[in-house]
Amino acid sequence: MKRRSSLRSASRRSTSKTGLTAAILLLLAAVAVLVYFNREWIARKLGHAPILADNSSWQERLHNDNAGPETAPAEQEDSALPVAAEEEGEGNERLGELSCEDLKEKTRQLFEYLDSREYLIGMQSAGGIRGYVAAGGQKLLARPPQVVGEKESLTTILANTAHFYRVLGKEDIALAQKLLAQEDDIMEPGLDLLYQWSQLGESCGEGAVEDALGLSLPLPQIYEYAGYFLSTLGGNTYILRRKPNLRLLVRYYSVLILDRANAESLNRHGIDIMPALTSLIGEMESISTLENRDQYLTALYTLQGKYQDQGAAPAVN
């Protein structure tokens, strides 16, 4: 009898332990599900890693190169960063923020800084990071993604989703991933330099863009990528896998490029800018991790007003 009673007690203890273990596992599973589905919100709350010392050094050089020794604090803002236009209807106007010579010098500094990074030694081509940007950019411009009729074929959707891997190849993608992972803190001024070059075109002199970047950035060709990111399933799928800051910046510059295409009657696919513009404003308003968020939003609000007045009719050639 004692043995039977002992066995029953042991059985109850085992059942109790099993129940407790199951409850703990269920609790952990619930927490994991909540974390998974709210991972972007959590990331925003935690914020970014501290800025690397040498990243800060490069940014300081960009900030201070053109400032005089007695420049007032209000005048020391980085002119390489987006500054919203003051006049209504000119949300895309940023020419004149840098002179051609300043733009060339800051671009040279950027490539010089990246070439000095230890993790990149041995990875880039003989032309350094400038050579990598030139070669990769030329490949991408020569083989744009399909913007129209994408959803008519699963093959096209899959091709668009893997577009960068298909065009650039494994090694170039690996280098791009390294750059994005290591240089998160200079992404804003770096992307702005590229955009300003695309906007300036040859106004800095014949061949100026090619001399600085190793390639040209014609509006009709970069328009195809703006359309890809803003209006295709493959493009949206691609940028949704990126970090929130990069995703928003890519969409921001895509909207600016689409606006320029409208202004020059180059929106050949007839892409409506308003859905992308409205969505981007909503996302941009909800984050606080972009250093120049308020400037981006001011430019976007101005564009929104401009297209609301026009009825958002895209200019088609």
C-alpha atoms as a PDB file:
ATOM      1  CA  MET A   1       0.000   0.000   0.000  1.00  0.00           C
ATOM      2  CA  LYS A   2       2.786   2.388   0.916  1.00  0.00           C
ATOM      3  CA  ARG A   3       4.504   1.613  -2.370  1.00  0.00           C
ATOM      4  CA  ARG A   4       1.274   2.228  -4.318  1.00  0.00           C
ATOM      5  CA  SER A   5       0.742   5.523  -2.497  1.00  0.00           C
ATOM      6  CA  SER A   6       4.332   6.508  -3.189  1.00  0.00           C
ATOM      7  CA  LEU A   7       3.886   5.732  -6.884  1.00  0.00           C
ATOM      8  CA  ARG A   8       0.702   7.802  -7.025  1.00  0.00           C
ATOM      9  CA  SER A   9       2.505  10.754  -5.394  1.00  0.00           C
ATOM     10  CA  ALA A  10       5.410  10.432  -7.808  1.00  0.00           C
ATOM     11  CA  SER A  11       2.950  10.287 -10.693  1.00  0.00           C
ATOM     12  CA  ARG A  12       1.215  13.446  -9.478  1.00  0.00           C
ATOM     13  CA  ARG A  13       4.576  15.234  -9.120  1.00  0.00           C
ATOM     14  CA  SER A  14       5.560  14.124 -12.639  1.00  0.00           C
ATOM     15  CA  THR A  15       2.228  15.289 -14.044  1.00  0.00           C
ATOM     16  CA  SER A  16       2.606  18.589 -12.220  1.00  0.00           C
ATOM     17  CA  LYS A  17       6.135  19.066 -13.613  1.00  0.00           C
ATOM     18  CA  THR A  18       4.945  18.149 -17.102  1.00  0.00           C
ATOM     19  CA  GLY A  19       2.116  20.649 -16.844  1.00  0.00           C
ATOM     20  CA  LEU A  20       4.471  23.351 -15.605  1.00  0.00           C
ATOM     21  CA  THR A  21       6.934  22.615 -18.403  1.00  0.00           C
ATOM     22  CA  ALA A  22       4.152  22.772 -20.986  1.00  0.00           C
ATOM     23  CA  ALA A  23       2.916  26.071 -19.577  1.00  0.00           C
ATOM     24  CA  ILE A  24       6.426  27.558 -19.725  1.00  0.00           C
ATOM     25  CA  LEU A  25       6.885  26.373 -23.316  1.00  0.00           C
ATOM     26  CA  LEU A  26       3.528  27.854 -24.321  1.00  0.00           C
ATOM     27  CA  LEU A  27       4.470  31.150 -22.652  1.00  0.00           C
ATOM     28  CA  LEU A  28       7.829  31.241 -24.454  1.00  0.00           C
ATOM     29  CA  ALA A  29       6.126  30.420 -27.750  1.00  0.00           C
ATOM     30  CA  ALA A  30       3.648  33.264 -27.226  1.00  0.00           C
ATOM     31  CA  VAL A  31       6.478  35.689 -26.457  1.00  0.00           C
ATOM     32  CA  ALA A  32       8.379  34.537 -29.547  1.00  0.00           C
ATOM     33  CA  VAL A  33       5.311  35.099 -31.748  1.00  0.00           C
ATOM     34  CA  LEU A  34       4.761  38.577 -30.304  1.00  0.00           C
ATOM     35  CA  VAL A  35       8.431  39.479 -30.817  1.00  0.00           C
ATOM     36  CA  TYR A  36       8.396  38.152 -34.390  1.00  0.00           C
ATOM     37  CA  PHE A  37       5.328  40.086 -35.497  1.00  0.00           C
ATOM     38  CA  ASN A  38       6.442  43.254 -33.725  1.00  0.00           C
ATOM     39  CA  ARG A  39      10.135  43.058 -34.547  1.00  0.00           C
ATOM     40  CA  GLU A  40      10.222  46.302 -36.556  1.00  0.00           C
ATOM     41  CA  TRP A  41       8.461  48.231 -33.769  1.00  0.00           C
ATOM     42  CA  ILE A  42      10.927  46.796 -31.222  1.00  0.00           C
ATOM     43  CA  ALA A  43      13.867  47.703 -33.467  1.00  0.00           C
ATOM     44  CA  ARG A  44      12.628  51.264 -33.711  1.00  0.00           C
ATOM     45  CA  LYS A  45      12.290  51.490 -29.949  1.00  0.00           C
ATOM     46  CA  LEU A  46      15.784  50.101 -29.356  1.00  0.00           C
ATOM     47  CA  GLY A  47      17.281  52.461 -31.944  1.00  0.00           C
ATOM     48  CA  HIS A  48      20.555  52.085 -33.817  1.00  0.00           C
ATOM     49  CA  ALA A  49      23.974  51.012 -32.638  1.00  0.00           C
ATOM     50  CA  PRO A  50      26.383  53.768 -31.591  1.00  0.00           C
ATOM     51  CA  ILE A  51      28.065  55.599 -34.451  1.00  0.00           C
ATOM     52  CA  LEU A  52      31.520  54.253 -35.272  1.00  0.00           C
ATOM     53  CA  ALA A  53      34.332  56.659 -34.558  1.00  0.00           C
ATOM     54  CA  ASP A  54      35.713  56.680 -38.101  1.00  0.00           C
ATOM     55  CA  ASN A  55      32.226  57.042 -39.574  1.00  0.00           C
ATOM     56  CA  SER A  56      31.791  60.110 -37.404  1.00  0.00           C
ATOM     57  CA  SER A  57      35.150  61.398 -38.594  1.00  0.00           C
ATOM     58  CA  TRP A  58      34.122  61.075 -42.236  1.00  0.00           C
ATOM     59  CA  GLN A  59      30.819  62.809 -41.582  1.00  0.00           C
ATOM     60  CA  GLU A  60      32.576  65.639 -39.756  1.00  0.00           C
ATOM     61  CA  ARG A  61      34.788  66.147 -42.805  1.00  0.00           C
ATOM     62  CA  LEU A  62      31.695  66.359 -45.000  1.00  0.00           C
ATOM     63  CA  HIS A  63      30.059  68.760 -42.565  1.00  0.00           C
ATOM     64  CA  ASN A  64      33.002  71.090 -42.061  1.00  0.00           C
ATOM     65  CA  ASP A  65      35.009  71.177 -45.297  1.00  0.00           C
ATOM     66  CA  ASN A  66      33.241  74.230 -46.666  1.00  0.00           C
ATOM     67  CA  ALA A  67      32.600  76.048 -43.378  1.00  0.00           C
ATOM     68  CA  GLY A  68      34.757  79.038 -42.597  1.00  0.00           C
ATOM     69  CA  PRO A  69      36.531  79.251 -39.246  1.00  0.00           C
ATOM     70  CA  GLU A  70      33.923  81.667 -37.883  1.00  0.00           C
ATOM     71  CA  THR A  71      30.796  80.136 -39.390  1.00  0.00           C
ATOM     72  CA  ALA A  72      27.749  80.597 -37.169  1.00  0.00           C
ATOM     73  CA  PRO A  73      26.219  77.391 -35.742  1.00  0.00           C
ATOM     74  CA  ALA A  74      23.035  77.858 -37.794  1.00  0.00           C
ATOM     75  CA  GLU A  75      25.134  77.839 -40.972  1.00  0.00           C
ATOM     76  CA  GLN A  76      27.027  74.657 -40.184  1.00  0.00           C
ATOM     77  CA  GLU A  77      24.333  72.221 -41.327  1.00  0.00           C
ATOM     78  CA  ASP A  78      25.571  69.573 -43.747  1.00  0.00           C
ATOM     79  CA  SER A  79      24.824  70.904 -47.198  1.00  0.00           C
ATOM     80  CA  ALA A  80      25.076  67.378 -48.575  1.00  0.00           C
ATOM     81  CA  LEU A  81      21.885  66.454 -46.774  1.00  0.00           C
ATOM     82  CA  PRO A  82      18.381  67.101 -48.133  1.00  0.00           C
ATOM     83  CA  VAL A  83      17.073  70.569 -47.437  1.00  0.00           C
ATOM     84  CA  ALA A  84      13.426  71.154 -48.199  1.00  0.00           C
ATOM     85  CA  ALA A  85      12.632  73.941 -50.623  1.00  0.00           C
ATOM     86  CA  GLU A  86      11.052  77.067 -49.245  1.00  0.00           C
ATOM     87  CA  GLU A  87       8.653  77.790 -52.105  1.00  0.00           C
ATOM     88  CA  GLU A  88       5.354  75.966 -52.551  1.00  0.00           C
ATOM     89  CA  GLY A  89       5.393  73.460 -55.395  1.00  0.00           C
ATOM     90  CA  GLU A  90       9.157  73.088 -55.423  1.00  0.00           C
ATOM     91  CA  GLY A  91       9.561  70.162 -53.037  1.00  0.00           C
ATOM     92  CA  ASN A  92      12.053  68.496 -55.346  1.00  0.00           C
ATOM     93  CA  GLU A  93      14.363  71.491 -55.674  1.00  0.00           C
ATOM     94  CA  ARG A  94      17.736  70.907 -54.097  1.00  0.00           C
ATOM     95  CA  LEU A  95      20.113  72.206 -56.773  1.00  0.00           C
ATOM     96  CA  GLY A  96      22.487  74.803 -55.444  1.00  0.00           C
ATOM     97  CA  GLU A  97      22.846  73.181 -52.030  1.00  0.00           C
ATOM     98  CA  LEU A  98      26.345  72.168 -53.166  1.00  0.00           C
ATOM     99  CA  SER A  99      28.503  73.741 -55.807  1.00  0.00           C
ATOM    100  CA  CYS A 100      29.893  71.392 -58.424  1.00  0.00           C
ATOM    101  CA  GLU A 101      33.350  71.610 -56.872  1.00  0.00           C
ATOM    102  CA  ASP A 102      32.032  70.846 -53.400  1.00  0.00           C
ATOM    103  CA  LEU A 103      30.052  67.909 -54.741  1.00  0.00           C
ATOM    104  CA  LYS A 104      33.141  66.512 -56.458  1.00  0.00           C
ATOM    105  CA  GLU A 105      35.245  66.932 -53.337  1.00  0.00           C
ATOM    106  CA  LYS A 106      32.740  65.292 -51.011  1.00  0.00           C
ATOM    107  CA  THR A 107      32.322  62.386 -53.409  1.00  0.00           C
ATOM    108  CA  ARG A 108      36.107  61.954 -53.529  1.00  0.00           C
ATOM    109  CA  GLN A 109      36.218  61.991 -49.716  1.00  0.00           C
ATOM    110  CA  LEU A 110      33.495  59.362 -49.516  1.00  0.00           C
ATOM    111  CA  PHE A 111      35.313  56.944 -51.809  1.00  0.00           C
ATOM    112  CA  GLU A 112      38.618  57.647 -50.065  1.00  0.00           C
ATOM    113  CA  TYR A 113      37.053  56.865 -46.700  1.00  0.00           C
ATOM    114  CA  LEU A 114      35.487  53.604 -47.928  1.00  0.00           C
ATOM    115  CA  ASP A 115      38.741  52.485 -49.564  1.00  0.00           C
ATOM    116  CA  SER A 116      40.478  52.858 -46.188  1.00  0.00           C
ATOM    117  CA  ARG A 117      38.092  50.499 -44.381  1.00  0.00           C
ATOM    118  CA  GLU A 118      39.855  47.289 -43.328  1.00  0.00           C
ATOM    119  CA  TYR A 119      36.897  44.986 -43.911  1.00  0.00           C
ATOM    120  CA  LEU A 120      36.841  46.018 -47.589  1.00  0.00           C
ATOM    121  CA  ILE A 121      40.517  45.397 -48.306  1.00  0.00           C
ATOM    122  CA  GLY A 122      40.851  42.653 -50.882  1.00  0.00           C
ATOM    123  CA  MET A 123      37.129  42.665 -51.722  1.00  0.00           C
ATOM    124  CA  GLN A 124      36.884  45.516 -54.172  1.00  0.00           C
ATOM    125  CA  SER A 125      38.238  45.734 -57.702  1.00  0.00           C
ATOM    126  CA  ALA A 126      41.432  47.476 -58.737  1.00  0.00           C
ATOM    127  CA  GLY A 127      39.469  50.697 -59.054  1.00  0.00           C
ATOM    128  CA  GLY A 128      38.472  50.638 -55.392  1.00  0.00           C
ATOM    129  CA  ILE A 129      34.931  51.318 -54.265  1.00  0.00           C
ATOM    130  CA  ARG A 130      34.512  53.848 -57.064  1.00  0.00           C
ATOM    131  CA  GLY A 131      35.298  51.069 -59.532  1.00  0.00           C
ATOM    132  CA  TYR A 132      32.800  48.792 -57.812  1.00  0.00           C
ATOM    133  CA  VAL A 133      30.062  51.468 -57.929  1.00  0.00           C
ATOM    134  CA  ALA A 134      30.822  52.189 -61.586  1.00  0.00           C
ATOM    135  CA  ALA A 135      30.801  48.551 -62.688  1.00  0.00           C
ATOM    136  CA  GLY A 136      27.716  47.648 -60.652  1.00  0.00           C
ATOM    137  CA  GLY A 137      25.824  50.752 -61.730  1.00  0.00           C
ATOM    138  CA  GLN A 138      26.558  50.126 -65.398  1.00  0.00           C
ATOM    139  CA  LYS A 139      25.289  46.552 -65.111  1.00  0.00           C
ATOM    140  CA  LEU A 140      22.078  47.660 -63.422  1.00  0.00           C
ATOM    141  CA  LEU A 141      21.374  50.483 -65.878  1.00  0.00           C
ATOM    142  CA  ALA A 142      21.968  48.135 -68.824  1.00  0.00           C
ATOM    143  CA  ARG A 143      19.540  45.513 -67.465  1.00  0.00           C
ATOM    144  CA  PRO A 144      16.577  47.261 -65.802  1.00  0.00           C
ATOM    145  CA  PRO A 145      13.792  45.284 -64.108  1.00  0.00           C
ATOM    146  CA  GLN A 146      10.388  44.836 -65.724  1.00  0.00           C
ATOM    147  CA  VAL A 147       8.001  47.493 -64.455  1.00  0.00           C
ATOM    148  CA  VAL A 148       4.895  46.903 -66.618  1.00  0.00           C
ATOM    149  CA  GLY A 149       3.054  43.577 -66.865  1.00  0.00           C
ATOM    150  CA  GLU A 150       4.953  42.005 -64.007  1.00  0.00           C
ATOM    151  CA  LYS A 151       1.920  40.274 -62.478  1.00  0.00           C
ATOM    152  CA  GLU A 152       1.023  38.535 -65.732  1.00  0.00           C
ATOM    153  CA  SER A 153       3.749  35.958 -65.153  1.00  0.00           C
ATOM    154  CA  LEU A 154       5.042  34.240 -62.011  1.00  0.00           C
ATOM    155  CA  THR A 155       8.412  33.974 -63.748  1.00  0.00           C
ATOM    156  CA  THR A 156       8.571  37.758 -64.093  1.00  0.00           C
ATOM    157  CA  ILE A 157       7.641  38.297 -60.442  1.00  0.00           C
ATOM    158  CA  LEU A 158      10.383  35.895 -59.332  1.00  0.00           C
ATOM    159  CA  ALA A 159      12.890  37.506 -61.710  1.00  0.00           C
ATOM    160  CA  ASN A 160      12.056  40.962 -60.350  1.00  0.00           C
ATOM    161  CA  THR A 161      12.346  39.751 -56.761  1.00  0.00           C
ATOM    162  CA  ALA A 162      15.850  38.395 -57.439  1.00  0.00           C
ATOM    163  CA  HIS A 163      16.781  41.221 -59.831  1.00  0.00           C
ATOM    164  CA  PHE A 164      19.887  42.507 -58.054  1.00  0.00           C
ATOM    165  CA  TYR A 165      21.296  39.022 -57.479  1.00  0.00           C
ATOM    166  CA  ARG A 166      20.692  38.076 -61.124  1.00  0.00           C
ATOM    167  CA  VAL A 167      22.337  41.224 -62.496  1.00  0.00           C
ATOM    168  CA  LEU A 168      25.192  41.799 -60.037  1.00  0.00           C
ATOM    169  CA  GLY A 169      26.101  38.235 -59.103  1.00  0.00           C
ATOM    170  CA  LYS A 170      27.133  36.620 -55.831  1.00  0.00           C
ATOM    171  CA  GLU A 171      30.408  38.496 -55.190  1.00  0.00           C
ATOM    172  CA  ASP A 172      29.045  41.979 -55.836  1.00  0.00           C
ATOM    173  CA  ILE A 173      25.999  41.248 -53.685  1.00  0.00           C
ATOM    174  CA  ALA A 174      28.284  40.089 -50.847  1.00  0.00           C
ATOM    175  CA  LEU A 175      30.226  43.359 -51.038  1.00  0.00           C
ATOM    176  CA  ALA A 176      27.023  45.405 -51.127  1.00  0.00           C
ATOM    177  CA  GLN A 177      25.761  43.573 -48.039  1.00  0.00           C
ATOM    178  CA  LYS A 178      29.018  44.324 -46.222  1.00  0.00           C
ATOM    179  CA  LEU A 179      28.737  48.006 -47.079  1.00  0.00           C
ATOM    180  CA  LEU A 180      25.121  48.212 -45.933  1.00  0.00           C
ATOM    181  CA  ALA A 181      25.883  46.396 -42.690  1.00  0.00           C
ATOM    182  CA  GLN A 182      29.009  48.372 -41.783  1.00  0.00           C
ATOM    183  CA  GLU A 183      28.220  51.851 -43.104  1.00  0.00           C
ATOM    184  CA  ASP A 184      24.684  52.359 -41.842  1.00  0.00           C
ATOM    185  CA  ASP A 185      25.669  55.649 -40.193  1.00  0.00           C
ATOM    186  CA  ILE A 186      26.804  57.339 -43.414  1.00  0.00           C
ATOM    187  CA  MET A 187      23.943  56.060 -45.546  1.00  0.00           C
ATOM    188  CA  GLU A 188      21.978  59.327 -45.529  1.00  0.00           C
ATOM    189  CA  PRO A 189      24.734  61.675 -46.769  1.00  0.00           C
ATOM    190  CA  GLY A 190      26.049  58.967 -49.123  1.00  0.00           C
ATOM    191  CA  LEU A 191      22.708  58.432 -50.862  1.00  0.00           C
ATOM    192  CA  ASP A 192      22.156  62.166 -51.039  1.00  0.00           C
ATOM    193  CA  LEU A 193      25.461  62.635 -52.870  1.00  0.00           C
ATOM    194  CA  LEU A 194      24.407  60.050 -55.458  1.00  0.00           C
ATOM    195  CA  TYR A 195      21.022  61.690 -55.875  1.00  0.00           C
ATOM    196  CA  GLN A 196      22.526  65.154 -56.301  1.00  0.00           C
ATOM    197  CA  TRP A 197      24.763  63.814 -59.061  1.00  0.00           C
ATOM    198  CA  SER A 198      21.723  62.364 -60.841  1.00  0.00           C
ATOM    199  CA  GLN A 199      19.975  65.718 -60.497  1.00  0.00           C
ATOM    200  CA  LEU A 200      22.887  67.906 -61.578  1.00  0.00           C
ATOM    201  CA  GLY A 201      23.618  65.865 -64.681  1.00  0.00           C
ATOM    202  CA  GLU A 202      26.014  67.617 -67.001  1.00  0.00           C
ATOM    203  CA  SER A 203      25.433  71.079 -65.521  1.00  0.00           C
ATOM    204  CA  CYS A 204      28.834  70.666 -63.827  1.00  0.00           C
ATOM    205  CA  GLY A 205      30.470  70.215 -67.215  1.00  0.00           C
ATOM    206  CA  GLU A 206      30.658  67.499 -69.830  1.00  0.00           C
ATOM    207  CA  GLY A 207      31.668  64.182 -68.287  1.00  0.00           C
ATOM    208  CA  ALA A 208      31.580  65.508 -64.703  1.00  0.00           C
ATOM    209  CA  VAL A 209      29.280  62.760 -63.424  1.00  0.00           C
ATOM    210  CA  GLU A 210      31.357  60.023 -65.073  1.00  0.00           C
ATOM    211  CA  ASP A 211      34.554  61.545 -63.669  1.00  0.00           C
ATOM    212  CA  ALA A 212      33.125  61.519 -60.143  1.00  0.00           C
ATOM    213  CA  LEU A 213      31.227  58.218 -60.122  1.00  0.00           C
ATOM    214  CA  GLY A 214      32.521  56.281 -63.100  1.00  0.00           C
ATOM    215  CA  LEU A 215      29.040  56.206 -64.686  1.00  0.00           C
ATOM    216  CA  SER A 216      26.245  58.523 -65.725  1.00  0.00           C
ATOM    217  CA  LEU A 217      22.774  58.535 -64.174  1.00  0.00           C
ATOM    218  CA  PRO A 218      20.301  59.480 -66.952  1.00  0.00           C
ATOM    219  CA  LEU A 219      16.788  60.204 -65.709  1.00  0.00           C
ATOM    220  CA  PRO A 220      15.031  57.801 -68.136  1.00  0.00           C
ATOM    221  CA  GLN A 221      17.140  54.904 -66.807  1.00  0.00           C
ATOM    222  CA  ILE A 222      16.976  55.633 -63.086  1.00  0.00           C
ATOM    223  CA  TYR A 223      13.229  56.232 -63.565  1.00  0.00           C
ATOM    224  CA  GLU A 224      12.899  52.498 -64.332  1.00  0.00           C
ATOM    225  CA  TYR A 225      14.290  51.679 -60.883  1.00  0.00           C
ATOM    226  CA  ALA A 226      12.043  54.258 -59.207  1.00  0.00           C
ATOM    227  CA  GLY A 227       9.075  52.548 -60.865  1.00  0.00           C
ATOM    228  CA  TYR A 228      10.414  49.146 -59.818  1.00  0.00           C
ATOM    229  CA  PHE A 229      10.618  50.112 -56.139  1.00  0.00           C
ATOM    230  CA  LEU A 230       7.325  52.012 -56.050  1.00  0.00           C
ATOM    231  CA  SER A 231       4.980  49.975 -58.229  1.00  0.00           C
ATOM    232  CA  THR A 232       6.101  46.349 -58.629  1.00  0.00           C
ATOM    233  CA  LEU A 233       5.606  43.346 -56.400  1.00  0.00           C
ATOM    234  CA  GLY A 234       9.215  42.251 -56.872  1.00  0.00           C
ATOM    235  CA  GLY A 235      10.578  45.700 -55.998  1.00  0.00           C
ATOM    236  CA  ASN A 236       8.390  46.029 -52.919  1.00  0.00           C
ATOM    237  CA  THR A 237       9.312  42.524 -51.785  1.00  0.00           C
ATOM    238  CA  TYR A 238      12.993  43.371 -52.176  1.00  0.00           C
ATOM    239  CA  ILE A 239      12.962  46.567 -50.117  1.00  0.00           C
ATOM    240  CA  LEU A 240      10.695  45.076 -47.435  1.00  0.00           C
ATOM    241  CA  ARG A 241      13.591  42.756 -46.599  1.00  0.00           C
ATOM    242  CA  ARG A 242      15.870  45.733 -45.961  1.00  0.00           C
ATOM    243  CA  LYS A 243      16.257  47.731 -42.735  1.00  0.00           C
ATOM    244  CA  PRO A 244      13.563  50.381 -42.169  1.00  0.00           C
ATOM    245  CA  ASN A 245      15.917  53.342 -42.723  1.00  0.00           C
ATOM    246  CA  LEU A 246      17.237  52.032 -46.020  1.00  0.00           C
ATOM    247  CA  ARG A 247      13.744  51.069 -47.173  1.00  0.00           C
ATOM    248  CA  LEU A 248      12.417  54.566 -46.495  1.00  0.00           C
ATOM    249  CA  LEU A 249      15.374  56.307 -48.143  1.00  0.00           C
ATOM    250  CA  VAL A 250      15.069  54.177 -51.287  1.00  0.00           C
ATOM    251  CA  ARG A 251      11.377  54.991 -51.516  1.00  0.00           C
ATOM    252  CA  TYR A 252      12.030  58.675 -50.758  1.00  0.00           C
ATOM    253  CA  TYR A 253      14.502  59.096 -53.602  1.00  0.00           C
ATOM    254  CA  SER A 254      12.290  56.993 -55.890  1.00  0.00           C
ATOM    255  CA  VAL A 255       9.446  59.469 -55.277  1.00  0.00           C
ATOM    256  CA  LEU A 256      11.756  62.412 -56.063  1.00  0.00           C
ATOM    257  CA  ILE A 257      12.877  60.710 -59.275  1.00  0.00           C
ATOM    258  CA  LEU A 258       9.279  59.966 -60.303  1.00  0.00           C
ATOM    259  CA  ASP A 259       8.390  63.621 -59.689  1.00  0.00           C
ATOM    260  CA  ARG A 260      11.236  64.691 -61.970  1.00  0.00           C
ATOM    261  CA  ALA A 261      10.053  62.219 -64.615  1.00  0.00           C
ATOM    262  CA  ASN A 262       6.564  63.757 -64.428  1.00  0.00           C
ATOM    263  CA  ALA A 263       8.002  67.260 -64.785  1.00  0.00           C
ATOM    264  CA  GLU A 264       9.957  66.254 -67.900  1.00  0.00           C
ATOM    265  CA  SER A 265       7.171  64.119 -69.455  1.00  0.00           C
ATOM    266  CA  LEU A 266       9.262  60.958 -68.992  1.00  0.00           C
ATOM    267  CA  ASN A 267       6.782  58.928 -66.910  1.00  0.00           C
ATOM    268  CA  ARG A 268       6.297  56.485 -69.770  1.00  0.00           C
ATOM    269  CA  HIS A 269       4.654  53.813 -67.613  1.00  0.00           C
ATOM    270  CA  GLY A 270       2.065  56.289 -66.308  1.00  0.00           C
ATOM    271  CA  ILE A 271       2.861  55.529 -62.656  1.00  0.00           C
ATOM    272  CA  ASP A 272       0.578  57.407 -60.243  1.00  0.00           C
ATOM    273  CA  ILE A 273       2.809  59.100 -57.676  1.00  0.00           C
ATOM    274  CA  MET A 274       0.111  59.731 -55.044  1.00  0.00           C
ATOM    275  CA  PRO A 275      -0.291  56.204 -53.560  1.00  0.00           C
ATOM    276  CA  ALA A 276       3.471  55.881 -53.040  1.00  0.00           C
ATOM    277  CA  LEU A 277       3.749  59.461 -51.760  1.00  0.00           C
ATOM    278  CA  THR A 278       0.893  59.069 -49.258  1.00  0.00           C
ATOM    279  CA  SER A 279       2.192  55.712 -48.017  1.00  0.00           C
ATOM    280  CA  LEU A 280       5.727  57.061 -47.636  1.00  0.00           C
ATOM    281  CA  ILE A 281       4.568  60.073 -45.638  1.00  0.00           C
ATOM    282  CA  GLY A 282       2.683  57.788 -43.246  1.00  0.00           C
ATOM    283  CA  GLU A 283       5.733  55.576 -42.721  1.00  0.00           C
ATOM    284  CA  MET A 284       8.120  58.509 -42.413  1.00  0.00           C
ATOM    285  CA  GLU A 285       5.915  60.146 -39.785  1.00  0.00           C
ATOM    286  CA  SER A 286       5.998  57.007 -37.635  1.00  0.00           C
ATOM    287  CA  ILE A 287       9.778  56.659 -37.336  1.00  0.00           C
ATOM    288  CA  SER A 288      12.436  58.710 -35.582  1.00  0.00           C
ATOM    289  CA  THR A 289      15.672  56.991 -36.615  1.00  0.00           C
ATOM    290  CA  LEU A 290      16.458  59.074 -39.713  1.00  0.00           C
ATOM    291  CA  GLU A 291      18.621  62.056 -38.840  1.00  0.00           C
ATOM    292  CA  ASN A 292      16.988  64.269 -41.468  1.00  0.00           C
ATOM    293  CA  ARG A 293      13.446  62.951 -41.197  1.00  0.00           C
ATOM    294  CA  ASP A 294      11.884  66.389 -40.735  1.00  0.00           C
ATOM    295  CA  GLN A 295      13.567  67.703 -43.868  1.00  0.00           C
ATOM    296  CA  TYR A 296      12.406  64.697 -45.878  1.00  0.00           C
ATOM    297  CA  LEU A 297       8.856  65.138 -44.588  1.00  0.00           C
ATOM    298  CA  THR A 298       8.807  68.839 -45.461  1.00  0.00           C
ATOM    299  CA  ALA A 299       9.792  68.008 -49.042  1.00  0.00           C
ATOM    300  CA  LEU A 300       7.164  65.231 -49.201  1.00  0.00           C
ATOM    301  CA  TYR A 301       4.402  67.478 -47.813  1.00  0.00           C
ATOM    302  CA  THR A 302       5.237  70.052 -50.482  1.00  0.00           C
ATOM    303  CA  LEU A 303       5.027  67.418 -53.200  1.00  0.00           C
ATOM    304  CA  GLN A 304       1.746  66.144 -51.772  1.00  0.00           C
ATOM    305  CA  GLY A 305       0.236  69.617 -51.982  1.00  0.00           C
ATOM    306  CA  LYS A 306       1.547  70.049 -55.505  1.00  0.00           C
ATOM    307  CA  TYR A 307      -0.046  66.820 -56.760  1.00  0.00           C
ATOM    308  CA  GLN A 308      -3.303  67.373 -54.912  1.00  0.00           C
ATOM    309  CA  ASP A 309      -3.611  70.694 -56.757  1.00  0.00           C
ATOM    310  CA  GLN A 310      -2.847  68.967 -60.069  1.00  0.00           C
ATOM    311  CA  GLY A 311      -5.114  65.976 -59.462  1.00  0.00           C
ATOM    312  CA  ALA A 312      -2.023  63.702 -59.406  1.00  0.00           C
ATOM    313  CA  ALA A 313      -2.141  63.238 -63.179  1.00  0.00           C
ATOM    314  CA  PRO A 314       1.244  61.796 -64.243  1.00  0.00           C
ATOM    315  CA  ALA A 315       2.916  63.390 -67.218  1.00  0.00           C
ATOM    316  CA  VAL A 316       3.297  60.749 -69.940  1.00  0.00           C
ATOM    317  CA  ASN A 317       5.438  61.205 -72.993  1.00  0.00           C
END
